[in-house]
């Protein structure tokens, strides 16, 4: 699972019925520096890591920090195979991150 901040969403005129009840979000994966700054720091919403399109059925909105999975694991919540690359698995209210101590 990776952490990312929702920076937008996509709109389709048509979509596969298997996607009913969800939507696609544009997500900027978070860097360690952003994790250290905390969720309240919106000054760097977009990281240098390329953004991804993530399917979301939890209701995340712009500015929310989500946990998302990619690849074959992204298809696990669906009953039948579905063409999807990333899936929103969690919306975070708080993240506490402490980097390892180096000597």
PDB file of N, CA and C in Angstrom:
ATOM      1  N   UNK A   1       0.858  -1.171   0.000  1.00  0.00           N
ATOM      2  CA  UNK A   1       0.000   0.000   0.000  1.00  0.00           C
ATOM      3  C   UNK A   1       0.906   1.237   0.000  1.00  0.00           C
ATOM      4  N   UNK A   2       0.468   2.224  -0.776  1.00  0.00           N
ATOM      5  CA  UNK A   2       1.162   3.511  -0.812  1.00  0.00           C
ATOM      6  C   UNK A   2       0.212   4.595  -0.323  1.00  0.00           C
ATOM      7  N   UNK A   3       0.789   5.694   0.150  1.00  0.00           N
ATOM      8  CA  UNK A   3       0.018   6.846   0.577  1.00  0.00           C
ATOM      9  C   UNK A   3      -0.009   7.867  -0.548  1.00  0.00           C
ATOM     10  N   UNK A   4      -1.142   8.546  -0.697  1.00  0.00           N
ATOM     11  CA  UNK A   4      -1.243   9.579  -1.710  1.00  0.00           C
ATOM     12  C   UNK A   4      -2.283  10.611  -1.337  1.00  0.00           C
ATOM     13  N   UNK A   5      -2.126  11.811  -1.875  1.00  0.00           N
ATOM     14  CA  UNK A   5      -3.093  12.884  -1.635  1.00  0.00           C
ATOM     15  C   UNK A   5      -3.942  13.072  -2.888  1.00  0.00           C
ATOM     16  N   UNK A   6      -5.251  13.134  -2.705  1.00  0.00           N
ATOM     17  CA  UNK A   6      -6.174  13.327  -3.818  1.00  0.00           C
ATOM     18  C   UNK A   6      -6.036  14.764  -4.311  1.00  0.00           C
ATOM     19  N   UNK A   7      -5.715  14.912  -5.605  1.00  0.00           N
ATOM     20  CA  UNK A   7      -5.540  16.253  -6.174  1.00  0.00           C
ATOM     21  C   UNK A   7      -6.595  16.570  -7.233  1.00  0.00           C
ATOM     22  N   UNK A   8      -7.486  15.625  -7.504  1.00  0.00           N
ATOM     23  CA  UNK A   8      -8.536  15.872  -8.492  1.00  0.00           C
ATOM     24  C   UNK A   8      -9.314  14.605  -8.763  1.00  0.00           C
ATOM     25  N   UNK A   9     -10.219  14.691  -9.717  1.00  0.00           N
ATOM     26  CA  UNK A   9     -10.979  13.505 -10.121  1.00  0.00           C
ATOM     27  C   UNK A   9     -11.237  13.550 -11.608  1.00  0.00           C
ATOM     28  N   UNK A  10     -11.595  12.421 -12.139  1.00  0.00           N
ATOM     29  CA  UNK A  10     -11.871  12.333 -13.568  1.00  0.00           C
ATOM     30  C   UNK A  10     -13.365  12.185 -13.795  1.00  0.00           C
ATOM     31  N   UNK A  11     -13.812  12.544 -14.981  1.00  0.00           N
ATOM     32  CA  UNK A  11     -15.217  12.417 -15.344  1.00  0.00           C
ATOM     33  C   UNK A  11     -15.284  11.674 -16.669  1.00  0.00           C
ATOM     34  N   UNK A  12     -16.094  10.622 -16.700  1.00  0.00           N
ATOM     35  CA  UNK A  12     -16.268   9.826 -17.913  1.00  0.00           C
ATOM     36  C   UNK A  12     -17.707   9.958 -18.408  1.00  0.00           C
ATOM     37  N   UNK A  13     -17.872   9.943 -19.710  1.00  0.00           N
ATOM     38  CA  UNK A  13     -19.229   9.961 -20.241  1.00  0.00           C
ATOM     39  C   UNK A  13     -19.857   8.568 -20.159  1.00  0.00           C
ATOM     40  N   UNK A  14     -19.018   7.538 -20.216  1.00  0.00           N
ATOM     41  CA  UNK A  14     -19.489   6.155 -20.070  1.00  0.00           C
ATOM     42  C   UNK A  14     -18.441   5.374 -19.291  1.00  0.00           C
ATOM     43  N   UNK A  15     -18.911   4.377 -18.551  1.00  0.00           N
ATOM     44  CA  UNK A  15     -17.982   3.505 -17.852  1.00  0.00           C
ATOM     45  C   UNK A  15     -18.578   2.117 -17.710  1.00  0.00           C
ATOM     46  N   UNK A  16     -17.740   1.153 -17.459  1.00  0.00           N
ATOM     47  CA  UNK A  16     -18.147  -0.239 -17.285  1.00  0.00           C
ATOM     48  C   UNK A  16     -19.092  -0.334 -16.083  1.00  0.00           C
ATOM     49  N   UNK A  17     -20.194  -1.099 -16.184  1.00  0.00           N
ATOM     50  CA  UNK A  17     -21.131  -1.229 -15.066  1.00  0.00           C
ATOM     51  C   UNK A  17     -20.499  -1.784 -13.787  1.00  0.00           C
ATOM     52  N   UNK A  18     -19.384  -2.489 -13.900  1.00  0.00           N
ATOM     53  CA  UNK A  18     -18.703  -3.029 -12.716  1.00  0.00           C
ATOM     54  C   UNK A  18     -18.191  -1.909 -11.812  1.00  0.00           C
ATOM     55  N   UNK A  19     -18.012  -0.710 -12.354  1.00  0.00           N
ATOM     56  CA  UNK A  19     -17.529   0.420 -11.570  1.00  0.00           C
ATOM     57  C   UNK A  19     -18.658   1.173 -10.870  1.00  0.00           C
ATOM     58  N   UNK A  20     -19.874   0.680 -10.924  1.00  0.00           N
ATOM     59  CA  UNK A  20     -21.031   1.346 -10.336  1.00  0.00           C
ATOM     60  C   UNK A  20     -20.788   1.630  -8.850  1.00  0.00           C
ATOM     61  N   UNK A  21     -21.063   2.854  -8.429  1.00  0.00           N
ATOM     62  CA  UNK A  21     -20.925   3.216  -7.025  1.00  0.00           C
ATOM     63  C   UNK A  21     -19.591   3.839  -6.676  1.00  0.00           C
ATOM     64  N   UNK A  22     -18.730   4.029  -7.647  1.00  0.00           N
ATOM     65  CA  UNK A  22     -17.422   4.609  -7.366  1.00  0.00           C
ATOM     66  C   UNK A  22     -17.055   5.653  -8.391  1.00  0.00           C
ATOM     67  N   UNK A  23     -15.854   6.169  -8.241  1.00  0.00           N
ATOM     68  CA  UNK A  23     -15.362   7.167  -9.193  1.00  0.00           C
ATOM     69  C   UNK A  23     -13.843   7.055  -9.258  1.00  0.00           C
ATOM     70  N   UNK A  24     -13.270   7.754 -10.203  1.00  0.00           N
ATOM     71  CA  UNK A  24     -11.825   7.720 -10.397  1.00  0.00           C
ATOM     72  C   UNK A  24     -11.212   9.037  -9.921  1.00  0.00           C
ATOM     73  N   UNK A  25     -10.191   8.928  -9.081  1.00  0.00           N
ATOM     74  CA  UNK A  25      -9.514  10.092  -8.517  1.00  0.00           C
ATOM     75  C   UNK A  25      -8.107  10.212  -9.078  1.00  0.00           C
ATOM     76  N   UNK A  26      -7.622  11.442  -9.179  1.00  0.00           N
ATOM     77  CA  UNK A  26      -6.231  11.689  -9.544  1.00  0.00           C
ATOM     78  C   UNK A  26      -5.481  11.849  -8.224  1.00  0.00           C
ATOM     79  N   UNK A  27      -4.460  11.006  -8.025  1.00  0.00           N
ATOM     80  CA  UNK A  27      -3.760  10.951  -6.745  1.00  0.00           C
ATOM     81  C   UNK A  27      -2.267  11.187  -6.949  1.00  0.00           C
ATOM     82  N   UNK A  28      -1.697  12.052  -6.110  1.00  0.00           N
ATOM     83  CA  UNK A  28      -0.266  12.300  -6.114  1.00  0.00           C
ATOM     84  C   UNK A  28       0.350  11.476  -4.977  1.00  0.00           C
ATOM     85  N   UNK A  29       1.157  10.454  -5.302  1.00  0.00           N
ATOM     86  CA  UNK A  29       1.789   9.646  -4.244  1.00  0.00           C
ATOM     87  C   UNK A  29       2.643  10.536  -3.338  1.00  0.00           C
ATOM     88  N   UNK A  30       2.634  10.239  -2.039  1.00  0.00           N
ATOM     89  CA  UNK A  30       3.357  11.057  -1.070  1.00  0.00           C
ATOM     90  C   UNK A  30       4.798  10.579  -0.899  1.00  0.00           C
ATOM     91  N   UNK A  31       5.679  11.535  -0.695  1.00  0.00           N
ATOM     92  CA  UNK A  31       7.087  11.246  -0.421  1.00  0.00           C
ATOM     93  C   UNK A  31       7.297  11.170   1.097  1.00  0.00           C
ATOM     94  N   UNK A  32       8.455  10.700   1.521  1.00  0.00           N
ATOM     95  CA  UNK A  32       8.773  10.669   2.954  1.00  0.00           C
ATOM     96  C   UNK A  32       8.751  12.073   3.553  1.00  0.00           C
ATOM     97  N   UNK A  33       9.228  13.038   2.789  1.00  0.00           N
ATOM     98  CA  UNK A  33       9.241  14.430   3.263  1.00  0.00           C
ATOM     99  C   UNK A  33       7.820  14.906   3.552  1.00  0.00           C
ATOM    100  N   UNK A  34       6.893  14.573   2.684  1.00  0.00           N
ATOM    101  CA  UNK A  34       5.501  14.962   2.896  1.00  0.00           C
ATOM    102  C   UNK A  34       4.898  14.236   4.100  1.00  0.00           C
ATOM    103  N   UNK A  35       5.254  12.969   4.288  1.00  0.00           N
ATOM    104  CA  UNK A  35       4.762  12.229   5.450  1.00  0.00           C
ATOM    105  C   UNK A  35       5.274  12.854   6.745  1.00  0.00           C
ATOM    106  N   UNK A  36       6.534  13.292   6.753  1.00  0.00           N
ATOM    107  CA  UNK A  36       7.102  13.942   7.941  1.00  0.00           C
ATOM    108  C   UNK A  36       6.394  15.250   8.248  1.00  0.00           C
ATOM    109  N   UNK A  37       5.984  15.984   7.212  1.00  0.00           N
ATOM    110  CA  UNK A  37       5.304  17.263   7.400  1.00  0.00           C
ATOM    111  C   UNK A  37       3.919  17.081   8.010  1.00  0.00           C
ATOM    112  N   UNK A  38       3.320  15.917   7.808  1.00  0.00           N
ATOM    113  CA  UNK A  38       2.003  15.638   8.370  1.00  0.00           C
ATOM    114  C   UNK A  38       0.873  15.936   7.410  1.00  0.00           C
ATOM    115  N   UNK A  39      -0.308  15.510   7.794  1.00  0.00           N
ATOM    116  CA  UNK A  39      -1.477  15.657   6.930  1.00  0.00           C
ATOM    117  C   UNK A  39      -1.978  17.091   6.865  1.00  0.00           C
ATOM    118  N   UNK A  40      -1.669  17.897   7.880  1.00  0.00           N
ATOM    119  CA  UNK A  40      -2.178  19.264   7.915  1.00  0.00           C
ATOM    120  C   UNK A  40      -1.431  20.183   6.957  1.00  0.00           C
ATOM    121  N   UNK A  41      -0.222  19.805   6.538  1.00  0.00           N
ATOM    122  CA  UNK A  41       0.588  20.647   5.661  1.00  0.00           C
ATOM    123  C   UNK A  41       0.150  20.458   4.207  1.00  0.00           C
ATOM    124  N   UNK A  42      -0.630  21.412   3.712  1.00  0.00           N
ATOM    125  CA  UNK A  42      -1.119  21.348   2.329  1.00  0.00           C
ATOM    126  C   UNK A  42      -0.223  22.110   1.362  1.00  0.00           C
ATOM    127  N   UNK A  43       0.921  22.620   1.835  1.00  0.00           N
ATOM    128  CA  UNK A  43       1.766  23.456   0.992  1.00  0.00           C
ATOM    129  C   UNK A  43       2.352  22.692  -0.183  1.00  0.00           C
ATOM    130  N   UNK A  44       2.554  21.394  -0.029  1.00  0.00           N
ATOM    131  CA  UNK A  44       3.092  20.579  -1.114  1.00  0.00           C
ATOM    132  C   UNK A  44       2.143  19.415  -1.389  1.00  0.00           C
ATOM    133  N   UNK A  45       0.990  19.727  -1.954  1.00  0.00           N
ATOM    134  CA  UNK A  45       0.011  18.676  -2.235  1.00  0.00           C
ATOM    135  C   UNK A  45       0.487  17.743  -3.330  1.00  0.00           C
ATOM    136  N   UNK A  46       1.261  18.268  -4.284  1.00  0.00           N
ATOM    137  CA  UNK A  46       1.696  17.464  -5.422  1.00  0.00           C
ATOM    138  C   UNK A  46       3.178  17.150  -5.264  1.00  0.00           C
ATOM    139  N   UNK A  47       3.524  15.869  -5.360  1.00  0.00           N
ATOM    140  CA  UNK A  47       4.923  15.458  -5.249  1.00  0.00           C
ATOM    141  C   UNK A  47       5.546  15.346  -6.637  1.00  0.00           C
ATOM    142  N   UNK A  48       6.843  15.080  -6.650  1.00  0.00           N
ATOM    143  CA  UNK A  48       7.541  14.914  -7.927  1.00  0.00           C
ATOM    144  C   UNK A  48       7.286  13.534  -8.539  1.00  0.00           C
ATOM    145  N   UNK A  49       6.656  12.648  -7.785  1.00  0.00           N
ATOM    146  CA  UNK A  49       6.320  11.311  -8.279  1.00  0.00           C
ATOM    147  C   UNK A  49       5.122  11.443  -9.226  1.00  0.00           C
ATOM    148  N   UNK A  50       5.133  10.769 -10.375  1.00  0.00           N
ATOM    149  CA  UNK A  50       3.994  10.870 -11.303  1.00  0.00           C
ATOM    150  C   UNK A  50       2.659  10.488 -10.638  1.00  0.00           C
ATOM    151  N   UNK A  51       1.621  11.235 -10.943  1.00  0.00           N
ATOM    152  CA  UNK A  51       0.287  10.979 -10.393  1.00  0.00           C
ATOM    153  C   UNK A  51      -0.310   9.719 -10.995  1.00  0.00           C
ATOM    154  N   UNK A  52      -1.251   9.121 -10.267  1.00  0.00           N
ATOM    155  CA  UNK A  52      -1.935   7.915 -10.724  1.00  0.00           C
ATOM    156  C   UNK A  52      -3.446   8.136 -10.652  1.00  0.00           C
ATOM    157  N   UNK A  53      -4.180   7.376 -11.449  1.00  0.00           N
ATOM    158  CA  UNK A  53      -5.636   7.401 -11.402  1.00  0.00           C
ATOM    159  C   UNK A  53      -6.071   6.200 -10.571  1.00  0.00           C
ATOM    160  N   UNK A  54      -6.864   6.465  -9.527  1.00  0.00           N
ATOM    161  CA  UNK A  54      -7.236   5.458  -8.546  1.00  0.00           C
ATOM    162  C   UNK A  54      -8.754   5.339  -8.482  1.00  0.00           C
ATOM    163  N   UNK A  55      -9.278   4.102  -8.518  1.00  0.00           N
ATOM    164  CA  UNK A  55     -10.713   3.887  -8.355  1.00  0.00           C
ATOM    165  C   UNK A  55     -11.050   3.997  -6.874  1.00  0.00           C
ATOM    166  N   UNK A  56     -12.098   4.756  -6.555  1.00  0.00           N
ATOM    167  CA  UNK A  56     -12.484   4.980  -5.160  1.00  0.00           C
ATOM    168  C   UNK A  56     -13.973   4.770  -4.981  1.00  0.00           C
ATOM    169  N   UNK A  57     -14.339   3.937  -4.011  1.00  0.00           N
ATOM    170  CA  UNK A  57     -15.751   3.786  -3.671  1.00  0.00           C
ATOM    171  C   UNK A  57     -15.982   4.106  -2.193  1.00  0.00           C
ATOM    172  N   UNK A  58     -14.992   4.780  -1.570  1.00  0.00           N
ATOM    173  CA  UNK A  58     -15.089   5.152  -0.160  1.00  0.00           C
ATOM    174  C   UNK A  58     -15.568   6.587   0.032  1.00  0.00           C
ATOM    175  N   UNK A  59     -15.433   7.417  -0.993  1.00  0.00           N
ATOM    176  CA  UNK A  59     -15.884   8.805  -0.902  1.00  0.00           C
ATOM    177  C   UNK A  59     -14.790   9.812  -0.595  1.00  0.00           C
ATOM    178  N   UNK A  60     -13.555   9.506  -0.943  1.00  0.00           N
ATOM    179  CA  UNK A  60     -12.455  10.454  -0.722  1.00  0.00           C
ATOM    180  C   UNK A  60     -12.642  11.680  -1.607  1.00  0.00           C
ATOM    181  N   UNK A  61     -12.191  12.809  -1.107  1.00  0.00           N
ATOM    182  CA  UNK A  61     -12.308  14.051  -1.860  1.00  0.00           C
ATOM    183  C   UNK A  61     -10.966  14.743  -1.997  1.00  0.00           C
ATOM    184  N   UNK A  62     -10.946  15.824  -2.734  1.00  0.00           N
ATOM    185  CA  UNK A  62      -9.723  16.580  -2.966  1.00  0.00           C
ATOM    186  C   UNK A  62      -9.095  17.000  -1.635  1.00  0.00           C
ATOM    187  N   UNK A  63      -7.803  16.737  -1.506  1.00  0.00           N
ATOM    188  CA  UNK A  63      -7.063  17.064  -0.287  1.00  0.00           C
ATOM    189  C   UNK A  63      -6.952  15.914   0.694  1.00  0.00           C
ATOM    190  N   UNK A  64      -7.798  14.891   0.574  1.00  0.00           N
ATOM    191  CA  UNK A  64      -7.736  13.738   1.470  1.00  0.00           C
ATOM    192  C   UNK A  64      -6.491  12.913   1.193  1.00  0.00           C
ATOM    193  N   UNK A  65      -5.973  12.281   2.241  1.00  0.00           N
ATOM    194  CA  UNK A  65      -4.866  11.349   2.095  1.00  0.00           C
ATOM    195  C   UNK A  65      -5.445   9.948   2.137  1.00  0.00           C
ATOM    196  N   UNK A  66      -5.110   9.162   1.118  1.00  0.00           N
ATOM    197  CA  UNK A  66      -5.642   7.809   1.017  1.00  0.00           C
ATOM    198  C   UNK A  66      -4.504   6.792   0.967  1.00  0.00           C
ATOM    199  N   UNK A  67      -4.861   5.556   1.264  1.00  0.00           N
ATOM    200  CA  UNK A  67      -3.957   4.441   1.044  1.00  0.00           C
ATOM    201  C   UNK A  67      -4.469   3.716  -0.180  1.00  0.00           C
ATOM    202  N   UNK A  68      -3.595   3.462  -1.134  1.00  0.00           N
ATOM    203  CA  UNK A  68      -4.050   2.783  -2.346  1.00  0.00           C
ATOM    204  C   UNK A  68      -3.122   1.633  -2.685  1.00  0.00           C
ATOM    205  N   UNK A  69      -3.712   0.623  -3.325  1.00  0.00           N
ATOM    206  CA  UNK A  69      -2.953  -0.541  -3.770  1.00  0.00           C
ATOM    207  C   UNK A  69      -2.984  -0.574  -5.288  1.00  0.00           C
ATOM    208  N   UNK A  70      -1.948  -1.169  -5.855  1.00  0.00           N
ATOM    209  CA  UNK A  70      -1.827  -1.229  -7.311  1.00  0.00           C
ATOM    210  C   UNK A  70      -1.632  -2.663  -7.761  1.00  0.00           C
ATOM    211  N   UNK A  71      -1.807  -2.878  -9.059  1.00  0.00           N
ATOM    212  CA  UNK A  71      -1.557  -4.188  -9.642  1.00  0.00           C
ATOM    213  C   UNK A  71      -2.683  -5.167  -9.378  1.00  0.00           C
ATOM    214  N   UNK A  72      -2.341  -6.440  -9.307  1.00  0.00           N
ATOM    215  CA  UNK A  72      -3.344  -7.501  -9.146  1.00  0.00           C
ATOM    216  C   UNK A  72      -4.147  -7.333  -7.856  1.00  0.00           C
ATOM    217  N   UNK A  73      -3.526  -6.805  -6.806  1.00  0.00           N
ATOM    218  CA  UNK A  73      -4.222  -6.607  -5.532  1.00  0.00           C
ATOM    219  C   UNK A  73      -5.369  -5.607  -5.666  1.00  0.00           C
ATOM    220  N   UNK A  74      -5.294  -4.704  -6.623  1.00  0.00           N
ATOM    221  CA  UNK A  74      -6.343  -3.704  -6.815  1.00  0.00           C
ATOM    222  C   UNK A  74      -7.646  -4.337  -7.286  1.00  0.00           C
ATOM    223  N   UNK A  75      -7.580  -5.498  -7.899  1.00  0.00           N
ATOM    224  CA  UNK A  75      -8.794  -6.163  -8.397  1.00  0.00           C
ATOM    225  C   UNK A  75      -9.457  -7.041  -7.342  1.00  0.00           C
ATOM    226  N   UNK A  76      -8.808  -7.268  -6.195  1.00  0.00           N
ATOM    227  CA  UNK A  76      -9.317  -8.178  -5.165  1.00  0.00           C
ATOM    228  C   UNK A  76     -10.722  -7.839  -4.651  1.00  0.00           C
ATOM    229  N   UNK A  77     -11.101  -6.569  -4.476  1.00  0.00           N
ATOM    230  CA  UNK A  77     -12.436  -6.281  -3.944  1.00  0.00           C
ATOM    231  C   UNK A  77     -13.596  -6.591  -4.892  1.00  0.00           C
ATOM    232  N   UNK A  78     -13.307  -6.890  -6.140  1.00  0.00           N
ATOM    233  CA  UNK A  78     -14.365  -7.106  -7.123  1.00  0.00           C
ATOM    234  C   UNK A  78     -14.650  -8.597  -7.305  1.00  0.00           C
ATOM    235  N   UNK A  79     -15.921  -8.919  -7.567  1.00  0.00           N
ATOM    236  CA  UNK A  79     -16.333 -10.318  -7.728  1.00  0.00           C
ATOM    237  C   UNK A  79     -15.750 -10.969  -8.971  1.00  0.00           C
ATOM    238  N   UNK A  80     -15.655 -10.214 -10.053  1.00  0.00           N
ATOM    239  CA  UNK A  80     -15.124 -10.772 -11.291  1.00  0.00           C
ATOM    240  C   UNK A  80     -13.961  -9.908 -11.768  1.00  0.00           C
ATOM    241  N   UNK A  81     -13.142 -10.434 -12.655  1.00  0.00           N
ATOM    242  CA  UNK A  81     -12.005  -9.641 -13.155  1.00  0.00           C
ATOM    243  C   UNK A  81     -12.480  -8.309 -13.739  1.00  0.00           C
ATOM    244  N   UNK A  82     -11.720  -7.262 -13.459  1.00  0.00           N
ATOM    245  CA  UNK A  82     -12.084  -5.921 -13.889  1.00  0.00           C
ATOM    246  C   UNK A  82     -10.803  -5.178 -14.305  1.00  0.00           C
ATOM    247  N   UNK A  83     -10.872  -4.367 -15.328  1.00  0.00           N
ATOM    248  CA  UNK A  83      -9.675  -3.642 -15.762  1.00  0.00           C
ATOM    249  C   UNK A  83      -9.394  -2.432 -14.856  1.00  0.00           C
ATOM    250  N   UNK A  84      -8.534  -2.633 -13.871  1.00  0.00           N
ATOM    251  CA  UNK A  84      -8.224  -1.569 -12.920  1.00  0.00           C
ATOM    252  C   UNK A  84      -6.757  -1.675 -12.511  1.00  0.00           C
ATOM    253  N   UNK A  85      -6.097  -0.537 -12.351  1.00  0.00           N
ATOM    254  CA  UNK A  85      -4.683  -0.523 -11.985  1.00  0.00           C
ATOM    255  C   UNK A  85      -4.447  -0.125 -10.531  1.00  0.00           C
ATOM    256  N   UNK A  86      -5.350   0.679  -9.943  1.00  0.00           N
ATOM    257  CA  UNK A  86      -5.163   1.132  -8.561  1.00  0.00           C
ATOM    258  C   UNK A  86      -6.522   1.287  -7.889  1.00  0.00           C
ATOM    259  N   UNK A  87      -6.574   0.942  -6.587  1.00  0.00           N
ATOM    260  CA  UNK A  87      -7.808   0.934  -5.816  1.00  0.00           C
ATOM    261  C   UNK A  87      -7.585   1.632  -4.477  1.00  0.00           C
ATOM    262  N   UNK A  88      -8.494   2.523  -4.095  1.00  0.00           N
ATOM    263  CA  UNK A  88      -8.420   3.221  -2.815  1.00  0.00           C
ATOM    264  C   UNK A  88      -8.892   2.284  -1.709  1.00  0.00           C
ATOM    265  N   UNK A  89      -7.990   1.967  -0.771  1.00  0.00           N
ATOM    266  CA  UNK A  89      -8.311   1.019   0.293  1.00  0.00           C
ATOM    267  C   UNK A  89      -8.612   1.691   1.629  1.00  0.00           C
ATOM    268  N   UNK A  90      -8.201   2.952   1.810  1.00  0.00           N
ATOM    269  CA  UNK A  90      -8.398   3.628   3.092  1.00  0.00           C
ATOM    270  C   UNK A  90      -8.333   5.136   2.922  1.00  0.00           C
ATOM    271  N   UNK A  91      -9.049   5.845   3.786  1.00  0.00           N
ATOM    272  CA  UNK A  91      -8.941   7.299   3.895  1.00  0.00           C
ATOM    273  C   UNK A  91      -8.380   7.570   5.289  1.00  0.00           C
ATOM    274  N   UNK A  92      -7.262   8.264   5.378  1.00  0.00           N
ATOM    275  CA  UNK A  92      -6.594   8.470   6.655  1.00  0.00           C
ATOM    276  C   UNK A  92      -6.988   9.793   7.304  1.00  0.00           C
ATOM    277  N   UNK A  93      -7.241   9.738   8.610  1.00  0.00           N
ATOM    278  CA  UNK A  93      -7.500  10.936   9.398  1.00  0.00           C
ATOM    279  C   UNK A  93      -6.209  11.452  10.016  1.00  0.00           C
ATOM    280  N   UNK A  94      -5.307  10.518  10.348  1.00  0.00           N
ATOM    281  CA  UNK A  94      -4.063  10.896  11.004  1.00  0.00           C
ATOM    282  C   UNK A  94      -2.982   9.884  10.641  1.00  0.00           C
ATOM    283  N   UNK A  95      -1.771  10.389  10.442  1.00  0.00           N
ATOM    284  CA  UNK A  95      -0.618   9.526  10.181  1.00  0.00           C
ATOM    285  C   UNK A  95       0.528  10.012  11.061  1.00  0.00           C
ATOM    286  N   UNK A  96       1.142   9.105  11.810  1.00  0.00           N
ATOM    287  CA  UNK A  96       2.304   9.433  12.607  1.00  0.00           C
ATOM    288  C   UNK A  96       3.472   8.674  11.998  1.00  0.00           C
ATOM    289  N   UNK A  97       4.473   9.401  11.549  1.00  0.00           N
ATOM    290  CA  UNK A  97       5.622   8.780  10.896  1.00  0.00           C
ATOM    291  C   UNK A  97       6.900   9.261  11.560  1.00  0.00           C
ATOM    292  N   UNK A  98       7.737   8.335  11.981  1.00  0.00           N
ATOM    293  CA  UNK A  98       9.036   8.662  12.550  1.00  0.00           C
ATOM    294  C   UNK A  98      10.082   7.918  11.738  1.00  0.00           C
ATOM    295  N   UNK A  99      10.974   8.654  11.111  1.00  0.00           N
ATOM    296  CA  UNK A  99      12.002   7.972  10.320  1.00  0.00           C
ATOM    297  C   UNK A  99      12.961   7.208  11.231  1.00  0.00           C
ATOM    298  N   UNK A 100      13.617   6.183  10.708  1.00  0.00           N
ATOM    299  CA  UNK A 100      14.566   5.425  11.511  1.00  0.00           C
ATOM    300  C   UNK A 100      15.726   6.314  11.961  1.00  0.00           C
ATOM    301  N   UNK A 101      16.209   6.045  13.144  1.00  0.00           N
ATOM    302  CA  UNK A 101      17.344   6.793  13.687  1.00  0.00           C
ATOM    303  C   UNK A 101      18.625   6.248  13.091  1.00  0.00           C
ATOM    304  N   UNK A 102      19.442   7.129  12.539  1.00  0.00           N
ATOM    305  CA  UNK A 102      20.729   6.702  11.984  1.00  0.00           C
ATOM    306  C   UNK A 102      21.845   7.157  12.892  1.00  0.00           C
ATOM    307  N   UNK A 103      22.868   6.341  13.027  1.00  0.00           N
ATOM    308  CA  UNK A 103      23.965   6.717  13.916  1.00  0.00           C
ATOM    309  C   UNK A 103      25.175   7.186  13.179  1.00  0.00           C
TER     310      UNK A 103
END
